[in-house]
């Protein structure tokens, strides 16, 4: 009985070895000359996200440290600060399937001195079913400001008033529908802050729920029970927070997906607020 079992184990090891060897990896060439053989799954204008083969941990590094990526398909993507700004103001972040768009520069050339230990709360990029919602973006920005004010004893930086930030962004001709395509250092020059805080929020339809309420009515003869049914739409929320230094360095990034937070969230209408609170408490800004 031992020999068949030993052969079975050797066969499993051989199959695992072959599977590992056949796993395609991308090659990330850093500006320092280091080469990373990884699996790249997300590329934005300021960062790339990747995993090492055989691991589930997500790693993020800024594109300023990258010379180019050679994907397993053979396609190459280079990163250079000398690329001119794009003409289309609505280019979204990209993945492996397309080259990254050039970084945008704000339209106004004026710059502000950086206020030490200050943070700009950029209006979050908030979409519902893939469509940008300015009303939800404004609500989310106000909620982040309220959160920092209520927890000011635990917040290590000073948030600049959102009305001041929004005025500076408008004067710099910043297109909020394409906020993720701007250079972080250039945004910091317009806001005059040491830190830039950005959120991405994605709201998608989950299901329609029906609730039934019963009420009893009594008259002189008898009493009756009336049932009322109401429909309510339920949504999934995905959220990502990014904290940058004024020079574009990534300080912290984290993403949470639907159900990641479990029973911590109870109010369906304000589900996104719970995701913001969860992420804010885990940034280096929160002591």
C-alpha atoms as a PDB file:
ATOM      1  CA  UNK A   1       0.000   0.000   0.000  1.00  0.00           C
ATOM      2  CA  UNK A   2       2.934   2.337   0.585  1.00  0.00           C
ATOM      3  CA  UNK A   3       4.204   2.320  -3.015  1.00  0.00           C
ATOM      4  CA  UNK A   4       0.916   3.489  -4.672  1.00  0.00           C
ATOM      5  CA  UNK A   5       0.576   6.205  -2.044  1.00  0.00           C
ATOM      6  CA  UNK A   6       4.153   7.373  -2.632  1.00  0.00           C
ATOM      7  CA  UNK A   7       3.576   7.441  -6.384  1.00  0.00           C
ATOM      8  CA  UNK A   8       0.400   9.469  -5.861  1.00  0.00           C
ATOM      9  CA  UNK A   9       2.264  12.062  -3.754  1.00  0.00           C
ATOM     10  CA  UNK A  10       5.059  12.342  -6.317  1.00  0.00           C
ATOM     11  CA  UNK A  11       2.484  12.833  -9.065  1.00  0.00           C
ATOM     12  CA  UNK A  12       0.835  15.686  -7.125  1.00  0.00           C
ATOM     13  CA  UNK A  13       4.198  17.381  -6.574  1.00  0.00           C
ATOM     14  CA  UNK A  14       5.040  17.072 -10.255  1.00  0.00           C
ATOM     15  CA  UNK A  15       1.701  18.574 -11.301  1.00  0.00           C
ATOM     16  CA  UNK A  16       2.116  21.462  -8.841  1.00  0.00           C
ATOM     17  CA  UNK A  17       5.621  22.136 -10.162  1.00  0.00           C
ATOM     18  CA  UNK A  18       4.408  22.167 -13.763  1.00  0.00           C
ATOM     19  CA  UNK A  19       1.491  24.467 -12.892  1.00  0.00           C
ATOM     20  CA  UNK A  20       3.838  26.901 -11.181  1.00  0.00           C
ATOM     21  CA  UNK A  21       6.216  26.919 -14.115  1.00  0.00           C
ATOM     22  CA  UNK A  22       3.417  27.518 -16.616  1.00  0.00           C
ATOM     23  CA  UNK A  23       1.918  30.458 -14.655  1.00  0.00           C
ATOM     24  CA  UNK A  24       2.512  33.529 -16.750  1.00  0.00           C
ATOM     25  CA  UNK A  25       4.059  36.489 -14.986  1.00  0.00           C
ATOM     26  CA  UNK A  26       4.567  40.125 -15.885  1.00  0.00           C
ATOM     27  CA  UNK A  27       7.946  41.800 -15.573  1.00  0.00           C
ATOM     28  CA  UNK A  28       8.085  45.160 -13.747  1.00  0.00           C
ATOM     29  CA  UNK A  29      11.338  47.032 -14.387  1.00  0.00           C
ATOM     30  CA  UNK A  30      11.943  49.680 -11.715  1.00  0.00           C
ATOM     31  CA  UNK A  31      13.921  52.903 -12.178  1.00  0.00           C
ATOM     32  CA  UNK A  32      16.477  51.504  -9.724  1.00  0.00           C
ATOM     33  CA  UNK A  33      17.157  48.635 -12.119  1.00  0.00           C
ATOM     34  CA  UNK A  34      15.398  45.998  -9.995  1.00  0.00           C
ATOM     35  CA  UNK A  35      13.156  43.554 -11.887  1.00  0.00           C
ATOM     36  CA  UNK A  36      10.001  42.123 -10.321  1.00  0.00           C
ATOM     37  CA  UNK A  37       8.384  39.024 -11.819  1.00  0.00           C
ATOM     38  CA  UNK A  38       4.766  39.404 -10.670  1.00  0.00           C
ATOM     39  CA  UNK A  39       1.150  39.332 -11.796  1.00  0.00           C
ATOM     40  CA  UNK A  40      -0.014  42.920 -12.467  1.00  0.00           C
ATOM     41  CA  UNK A  41      -3.775  43.328 -12.195  1.00  0.00           C
ATOM     42  CA  UNK A  42      -4.293  47.096 -11.998  1.00  0.00           C
ATOM     43  CA  UNK A  43      -2.506  50.118 -13.447  1.00  0.00           C
ATOM     44  CA  UNK A  44      -3.512  53.711 -12.681  1.00  0.00           C
ATOM     45  CA  UNK A  45      -1.779  57.003 -13.416  1.00  0.00           C
ATOM     46  CA  UNK A  46      -0.031  57.055 -10.039  1.00  0.00           C
ATOM     47  CA  UNK A  47       0.282  53.425  -8.905  1.00  0.00           C
ATOM     48  CA  UNK A  48       0.314  49.806 -10.025  1.00  0.00           C
ATOM     49  CA  UNK A  49      -1.143  46.892  -8.053  1.00  0.00           C
ATOM     50  CA  UNK A  50       0.314  43.404  -8.301  1.00  0.00           C
ATOM     51  CA  UNK A  51       0.653  40.057  -6.568  1.00  0.00           C
ATOM     52  CA  UNK A  52       3.639  37.750  -6.352  1.00  0.00           C
ATOM     53  CA  UNK A  53       2.981  34.290  -7.872  1.00  0.00           C
ATOM     54  CA  UNK A  54       1.379  31.972  -5.329  1.00  0.00           C
ATOM     55  CA  UNK A  55       0.415  34.819  -2.976  1.00  0.00           C
ATOM     56  CA  UNK A  56      -2.922  36.582  -2.400  1.00  0.00           C
ATOM     57  CA  UNK A  57      -1.515  39.768  -0.822  1.00  0.00           C
ATOM     58  CA  UNK A  58      -2.034  42.924  -2.910  1.00  0.00           C
ATOM     59  CA  UNK A  59       1.076  45.098  -3.325  1.00  0.00           C
ATOM     60  CA  UNK A  60       1.025  48.737  -4.490  1.00  0.00           C
ATOM     61  CA  UNK A  61       3.964  50.850  -5.703  1.00  0.00           C
ATOM     62  CA  UNK A  62       3.947  54.317  -7.303  1.00  0.00           C
ATOM     63  CA  UNK A  63       4.558  54.612 -11.044  1.00  0.00           C
ATOM     64  CA  UNK A  64       7.332  57.121 -10.288  1.00  0.00           C
ATOM     65  CA  UNK A  65       9.461  54.128  -9.280  1.00  0.00           C
ATOM     66  CA  UNK A  66       8.749  52.219 -12.488  1.00  0.00           C
ATOM     67  CA  UNK A  67      10.563  52.413 -15.819  1.00  0.00           C
ATOM     68  CA  UNK A  68       8.272  50.038 -17.702  1.00  0.00           C
ATOM     69  CA  UNK A  69       6.144  46.902 -17.489  1.00  0.00           C
ATOM     70  CA  UNK A  70       6.555  43.954 -19.865  1.00  0.00           C
ATOM     71  CA  UNK A  71       3.300  42.010 -19.707  1.00  0.00           C
ATOM     72  CA  UNK A  72       3.132  38.244 -20.224  1.00  0.00           C
ATOM     73  CA  UNK A  73       1.352  38.901 -23.533  1.00  0.00           C
ATOM     74  CA  UNK A  74       4.477  40.664 -24.830  1.00  0.00           C
ATOM     75  CA  UNK A  75       2.993  44.176 -24.647  1.00  0.00           C
ATOM     76  CA  UNK A  76       5.177  46.833 -23.013  1.00  0.00           C
ATOM     77  CA  UNK A  77       4.038  49.908 -21.092  1.00  0.00           C
ATOM     78  CA  UNK A  78       6.544  52.639 -20.294  1.00  0.00           C
ATOM     79  CA  UNK A  79       6.225  55.416 -17.714  1.00  0.00           C
ATOM     80  CA  UNK A  80       7.671  58.853 -18.393  1.00  0.00           C
ATOM     81  CA  UNK A  81       7.047  62.271 -16.839  1.00  0.00           C
ATOM     82  CA  UNK A  82       7.713  63.984 -20.176  1.00  0.00           C
ATOM     83  CA  UNK A  83       4.474  62.819 -21.822  1.00  0.00           C
ATOM     84  CA  UNK A  84       2.230  65.784 -22.821  1.00  0.00           C
ATOM     85  CA  UNK A  85      -1.179  66.223 -21.132  1.00  0.00           C
ATOM     86  CA  UNK A  86      -4.168  64.462 -22.773  1.00  0.00           C
ATOM     87  CA  UNK A  87      -6.731  66.303 -24.871  1.00  0.00           C
ATOM     88  CA  UNK A  88      -9.632  64.195 -23.596  1.00  0.00           C
ATOM     89  CA  UNK A  89     -10.602  65.127 -20.040  1.00  0.00           C
ATOM     90  CA  UNK A  90     -12.640  62.003 -19.352  1.00  0.00           C
ATOM     91  CA  UNK A  91     -10.049  59.227 -19.530  1.00  0.00           C
ATOM     92  CA  UNK A  92     -10.553  56.767 -16.601  1.00  0.00           C
ATOM     93  CA  UNK A  93      -7.918  54.667 -14.826  1.00  0.00           C
ATOM     94  CA  UNK A  94      -6.824  51.702 -16.932  1.00  0.00           C
ATOM     95  CA  UNK A  95      -5.928  48.040 -16.490  1.00  0.00           C
ATOM     96  CA  UNK A  96      -3.576  45.733 -18.416  1.00  0.00           C
ATOM     97  CA  UNK A  97      -5.813  45.886 -21.479  1.00  0.00           C
ATOM     98  CA  UNK A  98      -4.797  49.411 -22.556  1.00  0.00           C
ATOM     99  CA  UNK A  99      -1.832  51.760 -22.159  1.00  0.00           C
ATOM    100  CA  UNK A 100      -2.046  54.218 -19.278  1.00  0.00           C
ATOM    101  CA  UNK A 101      -3.178  57.735 -20.303  1.00  0.00           C
ATOM    102  CA  UNK A 102      -0.727  60.618 -19.755  1.00  0.00           C
ATOM    103  CA  UNK A 103      -1.063  62.521 -16.500  1.00  0.00           C
ATOM    104  CA  UNK A 104      -3.001  65.772 -16.663  1.00  0.00           C
ATOM    105  CA  UNK A 105      -1.740  69.106 -15.481  1.00  0.00           C
ATOM    106  CA  UNK A 106      -4.211  71.614 -13.973  1.00  0.00           C
ATOM    107  CA  UNK A 107      -5.191  74.393 -16.354  1.00  0.00           C
ATOM    108  CA  UNK A 108      -4.109  77.305 -14.176  1.00  0.00           C
ATOM    109  CA  UNK A 109      -0.345  77.782 -13.782  1.00  0.00           C
ATOM    110  CA  UNK A 110      -0.603  79.470 -10.364  1.00  0.00           C
ATOM    111  CA  UNK A 111       0.740  77.530  -7.370  1.00  0.00           C
ATOM    112  CA  UNK A 112       0.203  77.936  -3.637  1.00  0.00           C
ATOM    113  CA  UNK A 113       2.757  77.550  -0.849  1.00  0.00           C
ATOM    114  CA  UNK A 114       2.311  74.225   0.937  1.00  0.00           C
ATOM    115  CA  UNK A 115       0.819  74.530   4.438  1.00  0.00           C
ATOM    116  CA  UNK A 116       2.596  72.034   6.732  1.00  0.00           C
ATOM    117  CA  UNK A 117       0.525  69.213   8.249  1.00  0.00           C
ATOM    118  CA  UNK A 118      -2.534  70.081   6.149  1.00  0.00           C
ATOM    119  CA  UNK A 119      -4.719  67.771   4.056  1.00  0.00           C
ATOM    120  CA  UNK A 120      -7.041  68.418   1.099  1.00  0.00           C
ATOM    121  CA  UNK A 121     -10.185  66.290   0.911  1.00  0.00           C
ATOM    122  CA  UNK A 122     -10.663  65.901  -2.837  1.00  0.00           C
ATOM    123  CA  UNK A 123     -14.310  65.368  -3.924  1.00  0.00           C
ATOM    124  CA  UNK A 124     -14.592  61.549  -4.161  1.00  0.00           C
ATOM    125  CA  UNK A 125     -15.033  59.898  -7.550  1.00  0.00           C
ATOM    126  CA  UNK A 126     -18.501  58.441  -6.817  1.00  0.00           C
ATOM    127  CA  UNK A 127     -20.316  56.397  -9.465  1.00  0.00           C
ATOM    128  CA  UNK A 128     -23.660  54.592  -9.476  1.00  0.00           C
ATOM    129  CA  UNK A 129     -24.011  51.854 -12.077  1.00  0.00           C
ATOM    130  CA  UNK A 130     -20.911  53.278 -13.787  1.00  0.00           C
ATOM    131  CA  UNK A 131     -22.262  56.861 -14.019  1.00  0.00           C
ATOM    132  CA  UNK A 132     -20.540  59.708 -12.144  1.00  0.00           C
ATOM    133  CA  UNK A 133     -22.839  61.255  -9.514  1.00  0.00           C
ATOM    134  CA  UNK A 134     -21.841  64.778  -8.471  1.00  0.00           C
ATOM    135  CA  UNK A 135     -24.569  64.890  -5.809  1.00  0.00           C
ATOM    136  CA  UNK A 136     -23.191  61.770  -4.124  1.00  0.00           C
ATOM    137  CA  UNK A 137     -19.629  63.064  -4.527  1.00  0.00           C
ATOM    138  CA  UNK A 138     -20.557  66.290  -2.707  1.00  0.00           C
ATOM    139  CA  UNK A 139     -22.288  64.335   0.083  1.00  0.00           C
ATOM    140  CA  UNK A 140     -19.292  62.035   0.484  1.00  0.00           C
ATOM    141  CA  UNK A 141     -16.836  64.949   0.656  1.00  0.00           C
ATOM    142  CA  UNK A 142     -18.973  66.625   3.349  1.00  0.00           C
ATOM    143  CA  UNK A 143     -19.204  63.360   5.283  1.00  0.00           C
ATOM    144  CA  UNK A 144     -15.397  62.953   5.288  1.00  0.00           C
ATOM    145  CA  UNK A 145     -15.015  66.534   6.556  1.00  0.00           C
ATOM    146  CA  UNK A 146     -17.618  65.922   9.297  1.00  0.00           C
ATOM    147  CA  UNK A 147     -15.858  62.704  10.290  1.00  0.00           C
ATOM    148  CA  UNK A 148     -12.517  64.512  10.684  1.00  0.00           C
ATOM    149  CA  UNK A 149     -14.088  67.342  12.665  1.00  0.00           C
ATOM    150  CA  UNK A 150     -15.898  64.961  15.036  1.00  0.00           C
ATOM    151  CA  UNK A 151     -12.664  63.007  15.539  1.00  0.00           C
ATOM    152  CA  UNK A 152     -10.299  65.993  15.552  1.00  0.00           C
ATOM    153  CA  UNK A 153      -8.557  64.764  18.717  1.00  0.00           C
ATOM    154  CA  UNK A 154      -7.627  61.557  16.888  1.00  0.00           C
ATOM    155  CA  UNK A 155      -6.732  63.149  13.532  1.00  0.00           C
ATOM    156  CA  UNK A 156      -3.046  63.957  13.128  1.00  0.00           C
ATOM    157  CA  UNK A 157      -3.440  66.609  10.388  1.00  0.00           C
ATOM    158  CA  UNK A 158      -5.536  69.714   9.772  1.00  0.00           C
ATOM    159  CA  UNK A 159      -8.164  69.416   7.017  1.00  0.00           C
ATOM    160  CA  UNK A 160      -8.588  72.516   4.865  1.00  0.00           C
ATOM    161  CA  UNK A 161     -12.219  73.623   4.566  1.00  0.00           C
ATOM    162  CA  UNK A 162     -13.822  71.829   1.602  1.00  0.00           C
ATOM    163  CA  UNK A 163     -15.247  75.101   0.242  1.00  0.00           C
ATOM    164  CA  UNK A 164     -11.713  76.487   0.033  1.00  0.00           C
ATOM    165  CA  UNK A 165     -10.448  73.291  -1.626  1.00  0.00           C
ATOM    166  CA  UNK A 166     -13.309  73.244  -4.149  1.00  0.00           C
ATOM    167  CA  UNK A 167     -12.727  76.902  -5.029  1.00  0.00           C
ATOM    168  CA  UNK A 168      -9.023  76.219  -5.640  1.00  0.00           C
ATOM    169  CA  UNK A 169      -9.842  73.188  -7.790  1.00  0.00           C
ATOM    170  CA  UNK A 170     -12.319  75.193  -9.885  1.00  0.00           C
ATOM    171  CA  UNK A 171      -9.798  78.011 -10.349  1.00  0.00           C
ATOM    172  CA  UNK A 172      -7.319  75.401 -11.603  1.00  0.00           C
ATOM    173  CA  UNK A 173      -9.881  74.085 -14.138  1.00  0.00           C
ATOM    174  CA  UNK A 174      -9.827  70.633 -12.529  1.00  0.00           C
ATOM    175  CA  UNK A 175     -12.313  68.199 -14.091  1.00  0.00           C
ATOM    176  CA  UNK A 176     -13.707  66.194 -11.156  1.00  0.00           C
ATOM    177  CA  UNK A 177     -15.135  63.530 -13.467  1.00  0.00           C
ATOM    178  CA  UNK A 178     -11.532  62.657 -14.389  1.00  0.00           C
ATOM    179  CA  UNK A 179      -9.886  63.418 -11.039  1.00  0.00           C
ATOM    180  CA  UNK A 180      -7.904  60.157 -11.047  1.00  0.00           C
ATOM    181  CA  UNK A 181      -6.052  61.162 -14.211  1.00  0.00           C
ATOM    182  CA  UNK A 182      -4.345  64.222 -12.687  1.00  0.00           C
ATOM    183  CA  UNK A 183      -0.798  64.318 -11.396  1.00  0.00           C
ATOM    184  CA  UNK A 184      -0.891  64.301  -7.575  1.00  0.00           C
ATOM    185  CA  UNK A 185       2.003  66.736  -7.173  1.00  0.00           C
ATOM    186  CA  UNK A 186       0.246  69.189  -9.495  1.00  0.00           C
ATOM    187  CA  UNK A 187      -2.989  68.859  -7.505  1.00  0.00           C
ATOM    188  CA  UNK A 188      -1.079  69.567  -4.293  1.00  0.00           C
ATOM    189  CA  UNK A 189       0.312  72.763  -5.830  1.00  0.00           C
ATOM    190  CA  UNK A 190      -3.251  73.925  -6.486  1.00  0.00           C
ATOM    191  CA  UNK A 191      -4.617  72.984  -3.058  1.00  0.00           C
ATOM    192  CA  UNK A 192      -1.574  74.199  -1.101  1.00  0.00           C
ATOM    193  CA  UNK A 193      -1.633  71.171   1.230  1.00  0.00           C
ATOM    194  CA  UNK A 194       0.974  68.690   2.446  1.00  0.00           C
ATOM    195  CA  UNK A 195      -1.354  65.723   1.938  1.00  0.00           C
ATOM    196  CA  UNK A 196      -3.991  64.762  -0.644  1.00  0.00           C
ATOM    197  CA  UNK A 197      -6.856  62.474   0.456  1.00  0.00           C
ATOM    198  CA  UNK A 198      -8.861  60.758  -2.296  1.00  0.00           C
ATOM    199  CA  UNK A 199     -11.733  58.272  -2.287  1.00  0.00           C
ATOM    200  CA  UNK A 200     -13.237  56.158  -5.065  1.00  0.00           C
ATOM    201  CA  UNK A 201     -16.769  54.885  -4.381  1.00  0.00           C
ATOM    202  CA  UNK A 202     -18.717  52.514  -6.625  1.00  0.00           C
ATOM    203  CA  UNK A 203     -22.429  51.874  -6.019  1.00  0.00           C
ATOM    204  CA  UNK A 204     -24.086  48.978  -7.863  1.00  0.00           C
ATOM    205  CA  UNK A 205     -27.585  47.526  -7.678  1.00  0.00           C
ATOM    206  CA  UNK A 206     -27.837  44.295  -5.628  1.00  0.00           C
ATOM    207  CA  UNK A 207     -31.521  43.386  -5.349  1.00  0.00           C
ATOM    208  CA  UNK A 208     -35.024  44.684  -4.708  1.00  0.00           C
ATOM    209  CA  UNK A 209     -36.273  43.817  -1.238  1.00  0.00           C
ATOM    210  CA  UNK A 210     -39.916  43.736  -0.168  1.00  0.00           C
ATOM    211  CA  UNK A 211     -40.986  44.601   3.364  1.00  0.00           C
ATOM    212  CA  UNK A 212     -44.488  43.920   4.709  1.00  0.00           C
ATOM    213  CA  UNK A 213     -46.023  45.935   7.540  1.00  0.00           C
ATOM    214  CA  UNK A 214     -49.223  44.917   9.338  1.00  0.00           C
ATOM    215  CA  UNK A 215     -51.597  47.271  11.130  1.00  0.00           C
ATOM    216  CA  UNK A 216     -54.821  46.508  13.061  1.00  0.00           C
ATOM    217  CA  UNK A 217     -57.942  48.650  12.839  1.00  0.00           C
ATOM    218  CA  UNK A 218     -60.921  48.241  15.212  1.00  0.00           C
ATOM    219  CA  UNK A 219     -64.458  49.503  14.647  1.00  0.00           C
ATOM    220  CA  UNK A 220     -67.774  49.030  16.520  1.00  0.00           C
ATOM    221  CA  UNK A 221     -68.450  45.646  14.902  1.00  0.00           C
ATOM    222  CA  UNK A 222     -65.126  43.945  14.378  1.00  0.00           C
ATOM    223  CA  UNK A 223     -61.473  44.558  13.798  1.00  0.00           C
ATOM    224  CA  UNK A 224     -59.383  43.933  10.726  1.00  0.00           C
ATOM    225  CA  UNK A 225     -55.687  43.622   9.942  1.00  0.00           C
ATOM    226  CA  UNK A 226     -54.215  45.497   6.986  1.00  0.00           C
ATOM    227  CA  UNK A 227     -50.897  44.504   5.410  1.00  0.00           C
ATOM    228  CA  UNK A 228     -48.828  46.970   3.396  1.00  0.00           C
ATOM    229  CA  UNK A 229     -45.917  45.887   1.193  1.00  0.00           C
ATOM    230  CA  UNK A 230     -43.147  48.270   0.152  1.00  0.00           C
ATOM    231  CA  UNK A 231     -40.230  47.733  -2.197  1.00  0.00           C
ATOM    232  CA  UNK A 232     -36.728  48.985  -1.472  1.00  0.00           C
ATOM    233  CA  UNK A 233     -33.633  48.744  -3.649  1.00  0.00           C
ATOM    234  CA  UNK A 234     -30.496  47.375  -2.011  1.00  0.00           C
ATOM    235  CA  UNK A 235     -27.002  48.243  -3.273  1.00  0.00           C
ATOM    236  CA  UNK A 236     -23.442  46.963  -3.043  1.00  0.00           C
ATOM    237  CA  UNK A 237     -20.626  49.407  -2.296  1.00  0.00           C
ATOM    238  CA  UNK A 238     -16.942  49.152  -3.162  1.00  0.00           C
ATOM    239  CA  UNK A 239     -14.587  51.822  -1.842  1.00  0.00           C
ATOM    240  CA  UNK A 240     -10.916  52.723  -2.097  1.00  0.00           C
ATOM    241  CA  UNK A 241      -8.945  55.328  -0.168  1.00  0.00           C
ATOM    242  CA  UNK A 242      -5.629  56.829  -1.278  1.00  0.00           C
ATOM    243  CA  UNK A 243      -3.443  59.163   0.787  1.00  0.00           C
ATOM    244  CA  UNK A 244      -0.547  60.977  -0.924  1.00  0.00           C
ATOM    245  CA  UNK A 245       2.219  63.350   0.051  1.00  0.00           C
ATOM    246  CA  UNK A 246       2.431  66.613  -1.882  1.00  0.00           C
ATOM    247  CA  UNK A 247       5.253  65.193  -4.032  1.00  0.00           C
ATOM    248  CA  UNK A 248       2.995  62.344  -5.219  1.00  0.00           C
ATOM    249  CA  UNK A 249       4.397  59.673  -2.887  1.00  0.00           C
ATOM    250  CA  UNK A 250       1.817  57.060  -1.877  1.00  0.00           C
ATOM    251  CA  UNK A 251       1.390  57.072   1.902  1.00  0.00           C
ATOM    252  CA  UNK A 252      -1.513  54.618   2.179  1.00  0.00           C
ATOM    253  CA  UNK A 253      -3.965  52.783  -0.056  1.00  0.00           C
ATOM    254  CA  UNK A 254      -6.686  50.290   0.737  1.00  0.00           C
ATOM    255  CA  UNK A 255      -9.765  48.946  -1.024  1.00  0.00           C
ATOM    256  CA  UNK A 256     -12.822  47.241   0.474  1.00  0.00           C
ATOM    257  CA  UNK A 257     -15.386  45.280  -1.513  1.00  0.00           C
ATOM    258  CA  UNK A 258     -19.029  44.356  -0.803  1.00  0.00           C
ATOM    259  CA  UNK A 259     -19.472  42.189   2.301  1.00  0.00           C
ATOM    260  CA  UNK A 260     -15.912  42.858   3.473  1.00  0.00           C
ATOM    261  CA  UNK A 261     -17.258  44.743   6.487  1.00  0.00           C
ATOM    262  CA  UNK A 262     -20.099  42.357   7.330  1.00  0.00           C
ATOM    263  CA  UNK A 263     -22.509  43.368  10.138  1.00  0.00           C
ATOM    264  CA  UNK A 264     -20.641  46.613  10.853  1.00  0.00           C
ATOM    265  CA  UNK A 265     -23.009  48.352   8.425  1.00  0.00           C
ATOM    266  CA  UNK A 266     -26.743  48.505   9.099  1.00  0.00           C
ATOM    267  CA  UNK A 267     -28.269  51.469   7.233  1.00  0.00           C
ATOM    268  CA  UNK A 268     -28.684  50.517   3.575  1.00  0.00           C
ATOM    269  CA  UNK A 269     -29.306  54.120   2.454  1.00  0.00           C
ATOM    270  CA  UNK A 270     -26.057  55.267   4.079  1.00  0.00           C
ATOM    271  CA  UNK A 271     -23.986  52.175   3.324  1.00  0.00           C
ATOM    272  CA  UNK A 272     -21.203  54.214   1.694  1.00  0.00           C
ATOM    273  CA  UNK A 273     -20.773  56.269   4.882  1.00  0.00           C
ATOM    274  CA  UNK A 274     -19.863  53.127   6.799  1.00  0.00           C
ATOM    275  CA  UNK A 275     -17.225  52.244   4.208  1.00  0.00           C
ATOM    276  CA  UNK A 276     -15.710  55.734   4.466  1.00  0.00           C
ATOM    277  CA  UNK A 277     -15.639  55.541   8.281  1.00  0.00           C
ATOM    278  CA  UNK A 278     -14.027  52.083   8.152  1.00  0.00           C
ATOM    279  CA  UNK A 279     -11.271  53.230   5.786  1.00  0.00           C
ATOM    280  CA  UNK A 280     -10.648  56.570   7.528  1.00  0.00           C
ATOM    281  CA  UNK A 281      -9.993  54.797  10.843  1.00  0.00           C
ATOM    282  CA  UNK A 282      -7.288  52.720   9.177  1.00  0.00           C
ATOM    283  CA  UNK A 283      -5.354  55.516   7.482  1.00  0.00           C
ATOM    284  CA  UNK A 284      -2.205  56.925   9.118  1.00  0.00           C
ATOM    285  CA  UNK A 285      -4.205  60.134   9.697  1.00  0.00           C
ATOM    286  CA  UNK A 286      -6.234  58.430  12.448  1.00  0.00           C
ATOM    287  CA  UNK A 287      -4.373  57.912  15.720  1.00  0.00           C
END
